[in-house]
Each structure stands twice: as C-alpha cells, then as structure tokens.
Amino acid sequence: MSILSIRLTNRLNESLNEEARLSRQPKSLIARIALEHFLANRQRERFLAQMTRAAKAIDPDHAVQLAEEALPLDNESMALTKSRTPISA
C-alpha cells in the first residue's frame, strides 16, 4: 500500500477524529473509504456527462427508439433491485 500525506483543516481533522472515535476505526481507513467513494462518484459523473453528450449528438427520433428498446430492460433491472433484501451494516 502507498502512503499519502495530506493537510486537513482543523474542522475536517476534528470531524475525522470524532468519526474514528465513534466507529472505533483508524482514521486512515475512514479516509481511504471516503476517497474511494469520492473517486467512484467522480468517475460516475464523468460517465454520465459522456453519455449525455453522446445522447445529444444523436438524432432525436433515434434517441426515442433507443429509449423505447431499453425500457423493458430498465424495468426488469428495477424489479430485480427492489426485490433484493437489503444488506444490514
């Protein structure tokens, strides 16, 4: 594993210390998880922006056709997601 040194504001440091105390987890673990979430979110945002640009570039009639073709799969995915039992943390 690599080591990264960062500077934290006093407020962020206090929040991190408090979370570490409450969760009884090392600050490095909490920071690593937060960074993983942040980077995954940024990657998702970039992907969605790319998809939006691609959607705007295609013919509107073709876009409607693609959406209609994808709708049954979207509905099936939603049904599967709703039927899953949530995992307790």
C-alpha atoms as a PDB file:
ATOM      1  CA  MET A   1       0.000   0.000   0.000  1.00  0.00           C
ATOM      2  CA  SER A   2       1.157   3.535  -0.716  1.00  0.00           C
ATOM      3  CA  ILE A   3       1.356   6.314   1.816  1.00  0.00           C
ATOM      4  CA  LEU A   4      -0.189   9.751   1.194  1.00  0.00           C
ATOM      5  CA  SER A   5       0.267  12.794   3.374  1.00  0.00           C
ATOM      6  CA  ILE A   6      -2.450  15.439   3.267  1.00  0.00           C
ATOM      7  CA  ARG A   7      -3.167  18.648   5.121  1.00  0.00           C
ATOM      8  CA  LEU A   8      -6.556  18.893   6.801  1.00  0.00           C
ATOM      9  CA  THR A   9      -8.394  21.925   8.044  1.00  0.00           C
ATOM     10  CA  ASN A  10      -8.945  21.949  11.790  1.00  0.00           C
ATOM     11  CA  ARG A  11     -12.656  21.334  11.246  1.00  0.00           C
ATOM     12  CA  LEU A  12     -12.069  18.346   8.958  1.00  0.00           C
ATOM     13  CA  ASN A  13      -9.479  16.914  11.334  1.00  0.00           C
ATOM     14  CA  GLU A  14     -11.901  17.208  14.256  1.00  0.00           C
ATOM     15  CA  SER A  15     -14.637  15.504  12.229  1.00  0.00           C
ATOM     16  CA  LEU A  16     -12.288  12.706  11.229  1.00  0.00           C
ATOM     17  CA  ASN A  17     -11.127  12.231  14.826  1.00  0.00           C
ATOM     18  CA  GLU A  18     -14.736  12.115  16.022  1.00  0.00           C
ATOM     19  CA  GLU A  19     -15.727   9.548  13.381  1.00  0.00           C
ATOM     20  CA  ALA A  20     -12.700   7.422  14.221  1.00  0.00           C
ATOM     21  CA  ARG A  21     -13.615   7.532  17.893  1.00  0.00           C
ATOM     22  CA  LEU A  22     -17.295   6.711  17.318  1.00  0.00           C
ATOM     23  CA  SER A  23     -16.702   3.963  14.764  1.00  0.00           C
ATOM     24  CA  ARG A  24     -13.605   2.620  16.509  1.00  0.00           C
ATOM     25  CA  GLN A  25     -11.817   2.536  13.174  1.00  0.00           C
ATOM     26  CA  PRO A  26      -8.462   4.005  12.211  1.00  0.00           C
ATOM     27  CA  LYS A  27      -8.528   7.442  10.633  1.00  0.00           C
ATOM     28  CA  SER A  28      -6.612   6.082   7.651  1.00  0.00           C
ATOM     29  CA  LEU A  29      -9.371   3.537   6.963  1.00  0.00           C
ATOM     30  CA  ILE A  30     -12.074   6.191   7.142  1.00  0.00           C
ATOM     31  CA  ALA A  31     -10.097   8.499   4.847  1.00  0.00           C
ATOM     32  CA  ARG A  32      -9.437   5.650   2.386  1.00  0.00           C
ATOM     33  CA  ILE A  33     -13.138   4.749   2.249  1.00  0.00           C
ATOM     34  CA  ALA A  34     -14.109   8.396   1.784  1.00  0.00           C
ATOM     35  CA  LEU A  35     -11.579   8.790  -1.015  1.00  0.00           C
ATOM     36  CA  GLU A  36     -12.814   5.612  -2.725  1.00  0.00           C
ATOM     37  CA  HIS A  37     -16.387   6.924  -2.601  1.00  0.00           C
ATOM     38  CA  PHE A  38     -15.327  10.339  -3.881  1.00  0.00           C
ATOM     39  CA  LEU A  39     -13.364   8.901  -6.805  1.00  0.00           C
ATOM     40  CA  ALA A  40     -16.132   6.446  -7.731  1.00  0.00           C
ATOM     41  CA  ASN A  41     -18.625   9.311  -7.697  1.00  0.00           C
ATOM     42  CA  ARG A  42     -16.378  11.455  -9.914  1.00  0.00           C
ATOM     43  CA  GLN A  43     -15.960   8.550 -12.349  1.00  0.00           C
ATOM     44  CA  ARG A  44     -19.739   8.086 -12.439  1.00  0.00           C
ATOM     45  CA  GLU A  45     -20.279  11.825 -13.048  1.00  0.00           C
ATOM     46  CA  ARG A  46     -17.819  11.779 -15.951  1.00  0.00           C
ATOM     47  CA  PHE A  47     -19.511   8.703 -17.429  1.00  0.00           C
ATOM     48  CA  LEU A  48     -22.940  10.326 -17.179  1.00  0.00           C
ATOM     49  CA  ALA A  49     -21.621  13.521 -18.767  1.00  0.00           C
ATOM     50  CA  GLN A  50     -20.150  11.474 -21.608  1.00  0.00           C
ATOM     51  CA  MET A  51     -23.454   9.645 -22.064  1.00  0.00           C
ATOM     52  CA  THR A  52     -25.318  12.972 -22.067  1.00  0.00           C
ATOM     53  CA  ARG A  53     -23.010  14.376 -24.756  1.00  0.00           C
ATOM     54  CA  ALA A  54     -23.463  11.217 -26.824  1.00  0.00           C
ATOM     55  CA  ALA A  55     -27.241  11.340 -26.421  1.00  0.00           C
ATOM     56  CA  LYS A  56     -27.347  14.978 -27.526  1.00  0.00           C
ATOM     57  CA  ALA A  57     -25.294  14.112 -30.602  1.00  0.00           C
ATOM     58  CA  ILE A  58     -27.724  11.523 -31.976  1.00  0.00           C
ATOM     59  CA  ASP A  59     -30.894  12.100 -33.940  1.00  0.00           C
ATOM     60  CA  PRO A  60     -33.852  12.770 -31.582  1.00  0.00           C
ATOM     61  CA  ASP A  61     -36.046  10.190 -33.334  1.00  0.00           C
ATOM     62  CA  HIS A  62     -33.340   7.564 -32.987  1.00  0.00           C
ATOM     63  CA  ALA A  63     -32.922   8.510 -29.325  1.00  0.00           C
ATOM     64  CA  VAL A  64     -36.617   7.846 -28.670  1.00  0.00           C
ATOM     65  CA  GLN A  65     -36.344   4.488 -30.440  1.00  0.00           C
ATOM     66  CA  LEU A  66     -33.324   3.516 -28.306  1.00  0.00           C
ATOM     67  CA  ALA A  67     -35.118   4.564 -25.123  1.00  0.00           C
ATOM     68  CA  GLU A  68     -38.176   2.518 -26.041  1.00  0.00           C
ATOM     69  CA  GLU A  69     -35.987  -0.524 -26.718  1.00  0.00           C
ATOM     70  CA  ALA A  70     -34.183  -0.115 -23.395  1.00  0.00           C
ATOM     71  CA  LEU A  71     -37.317   0.423 -21.307  1.00  0.00           C
ATOM     72  CA  PRO A  72     -38.127  -3.293 -20.747  1.00  0.00           C
ATOM     73  CA  LEU A  73     -34.567  -3.921 -19.546  1.00  0.00           C
ATOM     74  CA  ASP A  74     -34.693  -0.879 -17.271  1.00  0.00           C
ATOM     75  CA  ASN A  75     -37.974  -2.095 -15.808  1.00  0.00           C
ATOM     76  CA  GLU A  76     -36.552  -5.568 -15.266  1.00  0.00           C
ATOM     77  CA  SER A  77     -33.487  -4.121 -13.535  1.00  0.00           C
ATOM     78  CA  MET A  78     -35.664  -2.000 -11.273  1.00  0.00           C
ATOM     79  CA  ALA A  79     -37.819  -5.012 -10.361  1.00  0.00           C
ATOM     80  CA  LEU A  80     -34.734  -7.076  -9.519  1.00  0.00           C
ATOM     81  CA  THR A  81     -33.280  -4.275  -7.412  1.00  0.00           C
ATOM     82  CA  LYS A  82     -36.488  -3.762  -5.465  1.00  0.00           C
ATOM     83  CA  SER A  83     -36.829  -7.485  -4.746  1.00  0.00           C
ATOM     84  CA  ARG A  84     -33.350  -7.796  -3.214  1.00  0.00           C
ATOM     85  CA  THR A  85     -33.081  -7.972   0.540  1.00  0.00           C
ATOM     86  CA  PRO A  86     -31.020  -5.031   1.844  1.00  0.00           C
ATOM     87  CA  ILE A  87     -27.715  -5.910   3.483  1.00  0.00           C
ATOM     88  CA  SER A  88     -27.546  -4.721   7.073  1.00  0.00           C
ATOM     89  CA  ALA A  89     -24.446  -2.796   8.018  1.00  0.00           C
END
